[in-house]
């Protein structure tokens, strides 16, 4: 209960067009006047009209990914954020919900009606739909088919690879293991998402020669070996199983390789930093190196509501990443994942799922503060969850409480938030469902919301997901489209990858960029010559 009180006292993340606390909680008397709603509607119109139209080329792209961030999750999270501030909650907007453009993406994958995080990562990062469990490869590759995945013709480049080829920088930030399905979409080519370390490949009976593990690819294969920033969890995938890491956890690799040391060795003589705790990350943020690797947990990072003082927040990692990547005048592409929204939903932990969503909003707000109008900001999800927001409760009813006013036939209370399946299903006794409000841990962080169908792990949902956009060519993200269109539209905005050849403005932009690089070289050349003369 103490943790819950701390959560409820947390600040609300307000958007770029933040409303004052006074106007955020309008008196009911005002709301009964139709003019209030007329004014609210025209305020939105004026806000859109005042937005810069952003016809220029995007120099930077930051793609935020809420893993499992379904539409009901968004609605419930904004209510929780508002209620933590003392507002009714329903009227709240999280920062990214103020961005001027919203669209919908279809999430099915090539062989599945309801997608997993591997095929979706391939769609929104590499621009093609493929089979579930496979990452960065075409639909010609089936799960576990290492030989097909090794064929160059079957391998797909990501949005981050397109940026690197254009001379820009790239990086990834996640609250999961950096080798997990979503971030792996930025750099890996694999026939199975679970091939995170060499030990995983062996245990699943695959051949390491044709199926290099995902951690190895991140450190030694293109484009991962060119990333300027890698921040998240997953130290165990990089360390030998004969070693103990900085926090006392064993490594997982069976090949004896320490990929962290290999990363540092490859960058010897260049400005680089490896960090494993919050203090070191904040120090690196003050004086950003050229390359930054941060692995903050052996496995996934902790839920923010439970994290210790040396666990950085997603907002802090995002800030560090942007400061490192901003040193490249050509620009950058950054992928940021709030990955544990998904994990909380799988365990029917509604409170933690909503809190992780609020943390993602804080990270997006940080990016908006740090970056200028030449940056395209996107926020979307990979898939939905079977998470329901129901009942006919009065305005401002506790989003984490029971539904009000519409009584169940069995006269027992039911929750506003619940799931259609998952481990939170309770057995009925003599045909009567239990009163979950009588659970000894009711209201705690790990209290499982009720579910209908008993299943070990709650499943994903197949609905469309939202796409929020702000920046150059933001208009491309309106409407309904395939999830695989997202990276192509982003690339079109930034003049990178195959889309660059489709946009007339890209040729002129590249010419200007080339002239800028030549000018910078000429300005720096005398300094370099002087340095050389005295060495």
Protein backbone atom coordinates (compact mmCIF):
# COMPACT_ATOMS: atom_id res chain seq x y z
CA UNK A 1 0.00 0.00 0.00
CA UNK A 2 2.94 2.34 0.73
CA UNK A 3 4.22 1.82 -2.85
CA UNK A 4 0.76 2.62 -4.17
CA UNK A 5 0.65 5.87 -2.20
CA UNK A 6 4.03 6.83 -3.64
CA UNK A 7 2.74 6.14 -7.13
CA UNK A 8 -0.38 8.17 -6.59
CA UNK A 9 1.76 11.13 -5.54
CA UNK A 10 3.85 11.05 -8.73
CA UNK A 11 3.65 14.08 -11.02
CA UNK A 12 1.60 14.08 -14.20
CA UNK A 13 3.46 14.34 -17.47
CA UNK A 14 1.94 17.26 -19.30
CA UNK A 15 2.24 17.88 -22.98
CA UNK A 16 3.82 20.58 -25.10
CA UNK A 17 0.55 22.52 -24.92
CA UNK A 18 0.10 21.85 -21.22
CA UNK A 19 -3.02 23.08 -19.53
CA UNK A 20 -2.76 24.64 -16.12
CA UNK A 21 -3.99 22.57 -13.16
CA UNK A 22 -6.91 24.99 -12.84
CA UNK A 23 -8.15 24.50 -16.40
CA UNK A 24 -7.39 20.77 -16.27
CA UNK A 25 -10.14 20.27 -13.71
CA UNK A 26 -12.99 22.49 -14.89
CA UNK A 27 -15.90 23.05 -12.53
CA UNK A 28 -18.85 20.88 -13.46
CA UNK A 29 -20.94 24.04 -13.83
CA UNK A 30 -18.75 25.13 -16.73
CA UNK A 31 -19.01 21.74 -18.40
CA UNK A 32 -22.79 21.85 -18.36
CA UNK A 33 -22.66 24.87 -20.66
CA UNK A 34 -22.37 23.74 -24.33
CA UNK A 35 -20.12 26.74 -24.92
CA UNK A 36 -17.43 25.03 -22.82
CA UNK A 37 -17.26 22.18 -25.30
CA UNK A 38 -17.46 24.55 -28.29
CA UNK A 39 -14.49 26.45 -26.88
CA UNK A 40 -12.63 23.20 -26.21
CA UNK A 41 -13.18 22.08 -29.81
CA UNK A 42 -11.99 25.37 -31.31
CA UNK A 43 -9.00 25.42 -28.99
CA UNK A 44 -7.96 22.15 -30.63
CA UNK A 45 -8.53 23.57 -34.11
CA UNK A 46 -6.49 26.66 -33.30
CA UNK A 47 -3.71 24.54 -31.84
CA UNK A 48 -3.48 22.53 -35.05
CA UNK A 49 -3.63 25.65 -37.22
CA UNK A 50 -0.81 27.21 -35.20
CA UNK A 51 1.43 24.17 -35.59
CA UNK A 52 4.37 24.56 -37.95
CA UNK A 53 3.44 22.69 -41.12
CA UNK A 54 6.86 21.02 -41.28
CA UNK A 55 7.42 20.73 -45.02
CA UNK A 56 11.18 20.48 -44.48
CA UNK A 57 13.26 17.32 -44.30
CA UNK A 58 13.56 15.63 -40.91
CA UNK A 59 17.14 15.72 -39.67
CA UNK A 60 16.40 13.46 -36.71
CA UNK A 61 13.84 10.73 -36.05
CA UNK A 62 12.92 9.43 -32.61
CA UNK A 63 10.54 6.48 -32.67
CA UNK A 64 8.94 5.63 -29.34
CA UNK A 65 7.44 2.17 -29.04
CA UNK A 66 5.08 1.22 -26.23
CA UNK A 67 5.22 -2.56 -26.30
CA UNK A 68 1.61 -3.70 -25.92
CA UNK A 69 0.31 -0.14 -25.74
CA UNK A 70 -3.29 -0.83 -26.71
CA UNK A 71 -5.94 1.87 -27.02
CA UNK A 72 -7.60 0.85 -23.72
CA UNK A 73 -4.17 1.08 -22.07
CA UNK A 74 -3.77 4.63 -23.36
CA UNK A 75 -7.20 5.65 -22.09
CA UNK A 76 -6.70 4.08 -18.66
CA UNK A 77 -3.15 5.45 -18.30
CA UNK A 78 -4.25 9.01 -19.00
CA UNK A 79 -7.02 8.60 -16.40
CA UNK A 80 -4.49 7.32 -13.86
CA UNK A 81 -2.13 10.20 -14.65
CA UNK A 82 -4.91 12.73 -14.10
CA UNK A 83 -6.13 11.09 -10.91
CA UNK A 84 -2.62 11.14 -9.47
CA UNK A 85 -2.85 14.91 -9.85
CA UNK A 86 -6.25 15.11 -8.20
CA UNK A 87 -8.26 15.51 -11.41
CA UNK A 88 -11.15 13.29 -12.52
CA UNK A 89 -8.68 11.89 -15.06
CA UNK A 90 -10.69 11.25 -18.20
CA UNK A 91 -9.96 14.71 -19.62
CA UNK A 92 -6.18 14.39 -19.15
CA UNK A 93 -3.79 14.33 -22.07
CA UNK A 94 -0.36 12.78 -21.78
CA UNK A 95 2.26 14.78 -23.62
CA UNK A 96 2.42 12.81 -26.84
CA UNK A 97 -1.37 12.84 -27.07
CA UNK A 98 -1.02 16.57 -27.81
CA UNK A 99 1.00 15.88 -30.96
CA UNK A 100 -0.90 17.17 -33.99
CA UNK A 101 -1.23 13.96 -36.00
CA UNK A 102 -2.73 10.59 -35.09
CA UNK A 103 -3.19 7.50 -37.23
CA UNK A 104 -3.90 3.79 -36.92
CA UNK A 105 -1.68 0.87 -37.90
CA UNK A 106 -2.78 -2.70 -38.66
CA UNK A 107 -0.67 -5.18 -36.70
CA UNK A 108 -1.25 -8.68 -38.10
CA UNK A 109 1.83 -10.50 -39.36
CA UNK A 110 2.25 -12.67 -42.44
CA UNK A 111 1.21 -15.95 -40.83
CA UNK A 112 -0.71 -14.76 -37.77
CA UNK A 113 -3.93 -12.90 -37.10
CA UNK A 114 -2.61 -11.68 -33.75
CA UNK A 115 1.06 -10.69 -33.90
CA UNK A 116 4.04 -11.19 -31.64
CA UNK A 117 6.75 -8.58 -30.99
CA UNK A 118 9.20 -10.06 -33.51
CA UNK A 119 7.19 -9.80 -36.70
CA UNK A 120 5.85 -6.41 -35.64
CA UNK A 121 9.38 -5.11 -35.00
CA UNK A 122 10.28 -6.18 -38.53
CA UNK A 123 7.25 -4.29 -39.83
CA UNK A 124 7.66 -0.95 -38.05
CA UNK A 125 11.47 -0.90 -38.29
CA UNK A 126 12.28 -2.76 -41.54
CA UNK A 127 9.18 -2.01 -43.60
CA UNK A 128 7.91 -5.50 -44.46
CA UNK A 129 5.56 -7.97 -42.82
CA UNK A 130 7.00 -11.41 -42.09
CA UNK A 131 6.35 -14.50 -39.95
CA UNK A 132 6.01 -14.47 -36.19
CA UNK A 133 9.15 -15.14 -34.12
CA UNK A 134 11.40 -13.99 -37.01
CA UNK A 135 13.24 -10.66 -36.98
CA UNK A 136 14.80 -8.60 -39.78
CA UNK A 137 14.14 -11.20 -42.45
CA UNK A 138 11.53 -11.56 -45.16
CA UNK A 139 8.45 -13.75 -45.17
CA UNK A 140 10.45 -16.41 -47.02
CA UNK A 141 12.05 -17.30 -43.66
CA UNK A 142 10.11 -19.57 -41.31
CA UNK A 143 10.79 -19.71 -37.55
CA UNK A 144 13.98 -21.65 -36.85
CA UNK A 145 15.15 -21.80 -40.46
CA UNK A 146 18.73 -20.60 -39.94
CA UNK A 147 19.83 -21.34 -43.50
CA UNK A 148 17.11 -19.17 -45.00
CA UNK A 149 17.80 -16.37 -42.51
CA UNK A 150 21.49 -16.39 -43.47
CA UNK A 151 20.70 -15.68 -47.12
CA UNK A 152 21.50 -12.00 -47.84
CA UNK A 153 18.51 -11.82 -50.18
CA UNK A 154 16.22 -12.63 -47.25
CA UNK A 155 17.70 -10.04 -44.87
CA UNK A 156 16.05 -6.64 -44.40
CA UNK A 157 17.67 -3.32 -43.56
CA UNK A 158 16.09 -1.25 -40.79
CA UNK A 159 15.31 2.44 -40.58
CA UNK A 160 18.43 2.78 -38.41
CA UNK A 161 20.58 1.11 -41.07
CA UNK A 162 19.20 3.50 -43.70
CA UNK A 163 20.18 6.42 -41.46
CA UNK A 164 23.73 5.13 -40.96
CA UNK A 165 24.16 4.68 -44.71
CA UNK A 166 23.24 8.36 -45.06
CA UNK A 167 25.94 9.42 -42.61
CA UNK A 168 23.66 9.84 -39.62
CA UNK A 169 24.01 8.27 -36.20
CA UNK A 170 21.75 5.64 -34.68
CA UNK A 171 20.96 4.12 -31.32
CA UNK A 172 18.51 2.08 -29.25
CA UNK A 173 17.04 2.51 -25.78
CA UNK A 174 14.79 -0.04 -24.06
CA UNK A 175 13.57 -1.15 -20.65
CA UNK A 176 13.83 -4.79 -21.77
CA UNK A 177 16.97 -6.73 -22.63
CA UNK A 178 18.63 -4.97 -25.57
CA UNK A 179 18.51 -8.33 -27.35
CA UNK A 180 14.74 -8.67 -26.92
CA UNK A 181 12.44 -8.83 -29.94
CA UNK A 182 11.57 -5.13 -30.28
CA UNK A 183 15.05 -3.58 -30.12
CA UNK A 184 16.48 -6.49 -32.11
CA UNK A 185 14.36 -5.34 -35.05
CA UNK A 186 16.76 -2.40 -35.37
CA UNK A 187 19.80 -4.55 -36.12
CA UNK A 188 19.32 -8.34 -36.12
CA UNK A 189 18.62 -10.89 -38.87
CA UNK A 190 17.40 -14.06 -37.22
CA UNK A 191 14.92 -16.85 -37.72
CA UNK A 192 14.00 -16.93 -34.04
CA UNK A 193 13.58 -14.17 -31.47
CA UNK A 194 14.78 -16.47 -28.67
CA UNK A 195 18.30 -16.79 -30.11
CA UNK A 196 19.48 -14.01 -27.81
CA UNK A 197 22.77 -15.63 -26.72
CA UNK A 198 24.88 -18.45 -28.11
CA UNK A 199 23.59 -20.64 -25.27
CA UNK A 200 20.02 -20.09 -26.48
CA UNK A 201 20.97 -21.10 -30.01
CA UNK A 202 22.57 -24.32 -28.76
CA UNK A 203 19.71 -25.20 -26.43
CA UNK A 204 17.21 -24.78 -29.25
CA UNK A 205 19.24 -27.14 -31.45
CA UNK A 206 20.32 -24.56 -34.02
CA UNK A 207 23.69 -24.12 -35.72
CA UNK A 208 25.76 -21.15 -34.55
CA UNK A 209 27.64 -21.00 -37.83
CA UNK A 210 24.51 -20.15 -39.81
CA UNK A 211 22.55 -18.67 -36.88
CA UNK A 212 24.70 -16.13 -34.98
CA UNK A 213 23.04 -15.07 -31.76
CA UNK A 214 21.41 -11.68 -31.41
CA UNK A 215 23.87 -10.30 -28.82
CA UNK A 216 26.80 -11.18 -31.08
CA UNK A 217 25.10 -9.46 -34.00
CA UNK A 218 24.60 -6.29 -31.98
CA UNK A 219 28.29 -6.00 -31.16
CA UNK A 220 29.91 -7.40 -34.31
CA UNK A 221 27.49 -7.22 -37.26
CA UNK A 222 26.17 -4.32 -39.29
CA UNK A 223 24.32 -2.14 -38.41
CA UNK A 224 24.51 -2.85 -34.65
CA UNK A 225 28.28 -2.47 -34.65
CA UNK A 226 27.79 1.12 -35.84
CA UNK A 227 25.30 2.17 -33.15
CA UNK A 228 26.48 5.13 -31.09
CA UNK A 229 24.06 4.36 -28.23
CA UNK A 230 22.88 1.06 -26.73
CA UNK A 231 20.98 1.38 -23.44
CA UNK A 232 18.82 -1.16 -21.62
CA UNK A 233 18.99 -4.47 -19.81
CA UNK A 234 20.40 -7.87 -20.70
CA UNK A 235 23.98 -8.09 -19.39
CA UNK A 236 23.71 -11.87 -19.14
CA UNK A 237 23.55 -12.26 -22.92
CA UNK A 238 26.95 -10.53 -23.25
CA UNK A 239 28.90 -12.15 -20.42
CA UNK A 240 30.37 -15.69 -20.07
CA UNK A 241 28.55 -18.14 -17.81
CA UNK A 242 31.78 -18.45 -15.82
CA UNK A 243 31.60 -14.83 -14.66
CA UNK A 244 29.53 -12.77 -12.23
CA UNK A 245 28.46 -9.30 -13.31
CA UNK A 246 28.55 -6.00 -11.42
CA UNK A 247 25.38 -6.80 -9.48
CA UNK A 248 26.13 -10.43 -8.68
CA UNK A 249 24.30 -12.15 -11.54
CA UNK A 250 25.84 -14.89 -13.68
CA UNK A 251 26.48 -14.49 -17.37
CA UNK A 252 24.76 -16.75 -19.88
CA UNK A 253 27.20 -17.16 -22.76
CA UNK A 254 28.70 -20.60 -23.26
CA UNK A 255 31.41 -19.56 -25.72
CA UNK A 256 33.55 -17.80 -23.10
CA UNK A 257 33.28 -14.46 -24.88
CA UNK A 258 32.74 -11.20 -23.03
CA UNK A 259 30.99 -9.04 -25.61
CA UNK A 260 31.19 -5.94 -23.40
CA UNK A 261 34.98 -6.20 -23.39
CA UNK A 262 34.95 -6.87 -27.14
CA UNK A 263 32.84 -3.72 -27.65
CA UNK A 264 35.34 -1.71 -25.62
CA UNK A 265 38.30 -3.28 -27.42
CA UNK A 266 36.85 -2.46 -30.82
CA UNK A 267 36.54 1.18 -29.81
CA UNK A 268 40.00 1.51 -28.25
CA UNK A 269 41.36 4.95 -29.03
CA UNK A 270 37.87 6.39 -29.56
CA UNK A 271 35.74 8.23 -27.04
CA UNK A 272 33.50 5.58 -25.54
CA UNK A 273 31.94 4.66 -22.22
CA UNK A 274 30.37 1.53 -20.73
CA UNK A 275 28.02 2.16 -17.79
CA UNK A 276 25.92 -0.16 -15.65
CA UNK A 277 24.19 2.10 -13.14
CA UNK A 278 22.30 5.37 -12.96
CA UNK A 279 25.13 7.38 -11.41
CA UNK A 280 27.52 6.51 -14.24
CA UNK A 281 24.83 7.21 -16.86
CA UNK A 282 24.12 10.67 -15.46
CA UNK A 283 27.85 11.42 -15.41
CA UNK A 284 28.11 10.33 -19.04
CA UNK A 285 25.14 12.55 -19.88
CA UNK A 286 27.00 15.60 -18.54
CA UNK A 287 29.95 14.97 -20.86
CA UNK A 288 28.60 12.71 -23.64
CA UNK A 289 31.05 10.29 -25.22
CA UNK A 290 30.92 9.42 -28.90
CA UNK A 291 29.82 5.85 -28.10
CA UNK A 292 27.74 4.83 -25.08
CA UNK A 293 26.85 1.29 -23.96
CA UNK A 294 24.70 0.91 -20.86
CA UNK A 295 23.49 -2.45 -19.52
CA UNK A 296 21.66 -1.85 -16.26
CA UNK A 297 20.32 -5.30 -15.37
CA UNK A 298 21.20 -8.92 -15.98
CA UNK A 299 17.77 -9.44 -17.52
CA UNK A 300 14.99 -6.92 -18.15
CA UNK A 301 15.15 -3.64 -16.30
CA UNK A 302 12.98 -3.30 -13.23
CA UNK A 303 9.52 -1.80 -13.36
CA UNK A 304 9.95 1.89 -12.66
CA UNK A 305 7.59 1.68 -9.67
CA UNK A 306 9.91 -0.87 -8.06
CA UNK A 307 13.31 0.31 -9.27
CA UNK A 308 16.13 1.10 -6.88
CA UNK A 309 18.02 4.39 -6.84
CA UNK A 310 20.70 3.12 -9.23
CA UNK A 311 18.22 2.10 -11.95
CA UNK A 312 17.88 4.87 -14.55
CA UNK A 313 14.45 5.83 -15.80
CA UNK A 314 13.43 5.61 -19.43
CA UNK A 315 13.38 9.41 -19.47
CA UNK A 316 16.99 9.57 -18.25
CA UNK A 317 18.15 7.00 -20.79
CA UNK A 318 16.38 8.86 -23.59
CA UNK A 319 17.97 12.13 -22.54
CA UNK A 320 21.43 10.57 -22.48
CA UNK A 321 20.91 8.99 -25.90
CA UNK A 322 19.79 12.25 -27.52
CA UNK A 323 22.76 14.14 -26.07
CA UNK A 324 25.19 11.57 -27.44
CA UNK A 325 23.59 11.35 -30.87
CA UNK A 326 23.15 15.10 -31.27
CA UNK A 327 26.89 15.54 -31.84
CA UNK A 328 26.41 14.41 -35.45
CA UNK A 329 25.42 17.46 -37.53
CA UNK A 330 23.89 15.15 -40.14
CA UNK A 331 21.33 13.96 -37.60
CA UNK A 332 20.28 10.63 -36.14
CA UNK A 333 17.60 7.97 -35.72
CA UNK A 334 16.82 6.75 -32.21
CA UNK A 335 14.53 3.87 -31.23
CA UNK A 336 13.11 4.05 -27.68
CA UNK A 337 11.01 1.23 -26.23
CA UNK A 338 8.87 1.18 -23.11
CA UNK A 339 8.97 -2.59 -23.17
CA UNK A 340 7.58 -3.56 -19.80
CA UNK A 341 4.05 -2.34 -20.48
CA UNK A 342 3.75 -5.64 -22.32
CA UNK A 343 5.20 -7.74 -19.48
CA UNK A 344 2.82 -6.26 -16.93
CA UNK A 345 -0.16 -6.98 -19.17
CA UNK A 346 0.96 -10.58 -19.70
CA UNK A 347 0.85 -11.02 -15.91
CA UNK A 348 -2.48 -9.15 -15.60
CA UNK A 349 -0.75 -6.42 -13.58
CA UNK A 350 -2.83 -3.46 -14.71
CA UNK A 351 -1.35 -0.90 -12.32
CA UNK A 352 2.21 -1.59 -13.46
CA UNK A 353 1.20 -1.53 -17.14
CA UNK A 354 -0.35 1.92 -16.70
CA UNK A 355 2.58 3.23 -14.68
CA UNK A 356 5.04 2.10 -17.39
CA UNK A 357 2.88 3.95 -19.93
CA UNK A 358 3.18 7.16 -17.89
CA UNK A 359 6.96 6.60 -17.82
CA UNK A 360 6.98 6.32 -21.61
CA UNK A 361 5.11 9.63 -21.82
CA UNK A 362 7.81 11.24 -19.66
CA UNK A 363 10.50 9.99 -22.05
CA UNK A 364 8.62 11.37 -25.05
CA UNK A 365 8.23 14.71 -23.28
CA UNK A 366 11.99 14.82 -22.67
CA UNK A 367 12.68 14.31 -26.36
CA UNK A 368 10.26 17.08 -27.24
CA UNK A 369 12.05 19.45 -24.86
CA UNK A 370 15.50 18.60 -26.21
CA UNK A 371 14.86 18.59 -29.95
CA UNK A 372 13.98 21.28 -32.45
CA UNK A 373 11.31 21.45 -35.15
CA UNK A 374 13.54 19.58 -37.61
CA UNK A 375 13.02 16.35 -35.65
CA UNK A 376 10.25 13.87 -36.43
CA UNK A 377 8.83 12.32 -33.26
CA UNK A 378 6.72 9.18 -33.50
CA UNK A 379 5.03 7.11 -30.83
CA UNK A 380 3.23 3.87 -31.53
CA UNK A 381 2.77 0.29 -30.33
CA UNK A 382 3.64 -3.09 -31.77
CA UNK A 383 0.39 -4.84 -30.84
CA UNK A 384 -2.58 -4.69 -28.53
CA UNK A 385 -3.55 -6.71 -25.42
CA UNK A 386 -6.82 -8.30 -24.30
CA UNK A 387 -7.29 -5.53 -21.73
CA UNK A 388 -10.75 -4.08 -21.12
CA UNK A 389 -11.88 -0.73 -19.70
CA UNK A 390 -15.54 -1.32 -18.79
CA UNK A 391 -18.59 -0.52 -16.69
CA UNK A 392 -20.72 2.62 -16.43
CA UNK A 393 -18.92 4.35 -13.58
CA UNK A 394 -19.41 8.06 -12.84
CA UNK A 395 -16.80 10.53 -14.03
CA UNK A 396 -13.60 10.42 -11.96
CA UNK A 397 -14.21 6.96 -10.51
CA UNK A 398 -10.94 5.36 -9.37
CA UNK A 399 -9.54 3.84 -12.56
CA UNK A 400 -7.99 1.05 -10.48
CA UNK A 401 -11.17 0.43 -8.50
CA UNK A 402 -14.47 -1.31 -9.02
CA UNK A 403 -17.04 -0.33 -11.62
CA UNK A 404 -20.01 1.58 -10.20
CA UNK A 405 -23.74 2.08 -10.90
CA UNK A 406 -24.28 -0.95 -13.19
CA UNK A 407 -24.75 -3.89 -10.86
CA UNK A 408 -23.65 -7.39 -11.79
CA UNK A 409 -26.36 -10.06 -11.80
CA UNK A 410 -24.57 -11.94 -9.02
CA UNK A 411 -24.43 -8.74 -6.91
CA UNK A 412 -20.62 -9.02 -6.58
CA UNK A 413 -18.26 -6.14 -7.42
CA UNK A 414 -16.26 -6.14 -10.64
CA UNK A 415 -13.24 -4.10 -11.69
CA UNK A 416 -13.20 -1.23 -14.17
CA UNK A 417 -10.07 -2.82 -15.67
CA UNK A 418 -9.92 -6.52 -16.46
CA UNK A 419 -8.64 -9.02 -19.02
CA UNK A 420 -10.31 -11.59 -21.23
CA UNK A 421 -7.60 -14.13 -20.38
CA UNK A 422 -4.51 -14.59 -18.22
CA UNK A 423 -3.20 -15.80 -14.86
CA UNK A 424 -5.62 -13.51 -13.02
CA UNK A 425 -8.55 -15.84 -13.73
CA UNK A 426 -10.11 -17.05 -10.45
CA UNK A 427 -11.90 -20.34 -10.06
CA UNK A 428 -15.64 -20.14 -9.46
CA UNK A 429 -16.88 -21.97 -6.38
CA UNK A 430 -20.28 -23.63 -6.79
CA UNK A 431 -20.77 -21.50 -9.87
CA UNK A 432 -20.09 -18.26 -7.98
CA UNK A 433 -17.16 -16.02 -8.87
CA UNK A 434 -15.06 -14.73 -5.96
CA UNK A 435 -15.12 -11.19 -4.65
CA UNK A 436 -11.64 -10.09 -5.76
CA UNK A 437 -11.74 -6.99 -3.54
CA UNK A 438 -11.35 -9.35 -0.58
CA UNK A 439 -7.93 -10.55 -1.81
CA UNK A 440 -5.25 -10.02 0.84
CA UNK A 441 -3.05 -8.14 -1.68
CA UNK A 442 -5.87 -6.17 -3.32
CA UNK A 443 -4.56 -2.86 -4.67
CA UNK A 444 -0.89 -3.76 -4.43
CA UNK A 445 1.56 -3.46 -7.33
CA UNK A 446 1.44 -7.19 -8.02
CA UNK A 447 -2.26 -7.77 -7.47
CA UNK A 448 -3.55 -9.48 -10.60
CA UNK A 449 -6.60 -7.96 -12.22
CA UNK A 450 -9.36 -10.52 -12.89
CA UNK A 451 -9.42 -12.42 -16.16
CA UNK A 452 -12.03 -14.60 -17.84
CA UNK A 453 -10.11 -17.49 -19.42
CA UNK A 454 -7.39 -19.07 -17.23
CA UNK A 455 -4.11 -19.11 -19.11
CA UNK A 456 -0.50 -18.99 -17.92
CA UNK A 457 0.34 -15.77 -19.77
CA UNK A 458 -2.21 -13.27 -21.04
CA UNK A 459 -2.24 -13.01 -24.83
CA UNK A 460 -1.82 -10.14 -27.25
CA UNK A 461 -4.80 -8.60 -29.01
CA UNK A 462 -5.29 -8.13 -32.73
CA UNK A 463 -6.70 -4.59 -32.84
CA UNK A 464 -5.13 -1.66 -34.61
CA UNK A 465 -2.71 0.51 -32.62
CA UNK A 466 -2.37 4.28 -32.53
CA UNK A 467 0.44 6.23 -34.19
CA UNK A 468 1.20 9.74 -32.90
CA UNK A 469 3.43 12.07 -34.92
CA UNK A 470 4.99 15.49 -34.67
CA UNK A 471 7.51 17.07 -37.02
CA UNK A 472 8.52 17.20 -40.69
CA UNK A 473 6.02 15.36 -42.91
CA UNK A 474 3.82 14.54 -39.92
CA UNK A 475 0.83 14.48 -42.27
CA UNK A 476 2.07 11.13 -43.64
CA UNK A 477 0.94 9.43 -40.45
CA UNK A 478 -2.76 10.23 -40.67
CA UNK A 479 -5.33 7.60 -41.59
CA UNK A 480 -5.23 3.81 -41.45
CA UNK A 481 -2.27 1.92 -42.90
CA UNK A 482 -0.23 -1.23 -42.62
CA UNK A 483 2.31 -1.24 -39.80
CA UNK A 484 5.02 -1.95 -42.37
CA UNK A 485 4.39 1.50 -43.91
CA UNK A 486 5.66 3.32 -40.81
CA UNK A 487 9.44 3.16 -41.46
CA UNK A 488 9.00 4.02 -45.14
CA UNK A 489 6.98 7.12 -44.27
CA UNK A 490 9.56 8.11 -41.66
CA UNK A 491 12.37 7.51 -44.15
CA UNK A 492 10.53 9.62 -46.72
CA UNK A 493 10.37 12.45 -44.20
CA UNK A 494 14.11 12.17 -43.47
CA UNK A 495 15.35 11.43 -47.01
CA UNK A 496 16.99 8.11 -46.10
CA UNK A 497 16.67 4.59 -47.45
CA UNK A 498 14.62 3.53 -50.49
CA UNK A 499 12.05 6.27 -49.82
CA UNK A 500 14.64 8.98 -50.51
CA UNK A 501 14.49 8.21 -54.23
CA UNK A 502 10.74 8.79 -54.20
CA UNK A 503 10.85 12.35 -52.91
CA UNK A 504 12.02 15.21 -55.13
CA UNK A 505 13.05 17.35 -52.18
CA UNK A 506 15.66 14.81 -51.13
CA UNK A 507 18.09 15.58 -53.98
CA UNK A 508 18.25 19.26 -53.08
CA UNK A 509 18.54 18.41 -49.39
CA UNK A 510 21.46 16.06 -50.01
CA UNK A 511 23.20 18.70 -52.14
CA UNK A 512 22.84 21.22 -49.31
CA UNK A 513 24.08 18.65 -46.82
CA UNK A 514 27.12 17.87 -48.99
CA UNK A 515 27.94 21.58 -49.22
CA UNK A 516 27.60 21.90 -45.46
CA UNK A 517 29.97 18.96 -44.90
CA UNK A 518 32.50 20.48 -47.30
CA UNK A 519 32.26 23.86 -45.52
CA UNK A 520 32.76 22.20 -42.12
CA UNK A 521 35.75 20.26 -43.45
CA UNK A 522 37.37 23.43 -44.81
CA UNK A 523 36.81 25.20 -41.49
CA UNK A 524 38.30 22.34 -39.50
CA UNK A 525 41.22 21.57 -41.84
CA UNK A 526 43.57 24.40 -40.64
CA UNK A 527 43.04 23.29 -37.04
CA UNK A 528 43.83 19.70 -37.90
CA UNK A 529 46.95 20.75 -39.81
CA UNK A 530 48.16 22.78 -36.84
CA UNK A 531 47.55 19.84 -34.53
CA UNK A 532 49.49 17.57 -36.87
CA UNK A 533 52.39 20.05 -37.11
CA UNK A 534 52.99 19.92 -33.37
CA UNK A 535 52.67 16.16 -32.83
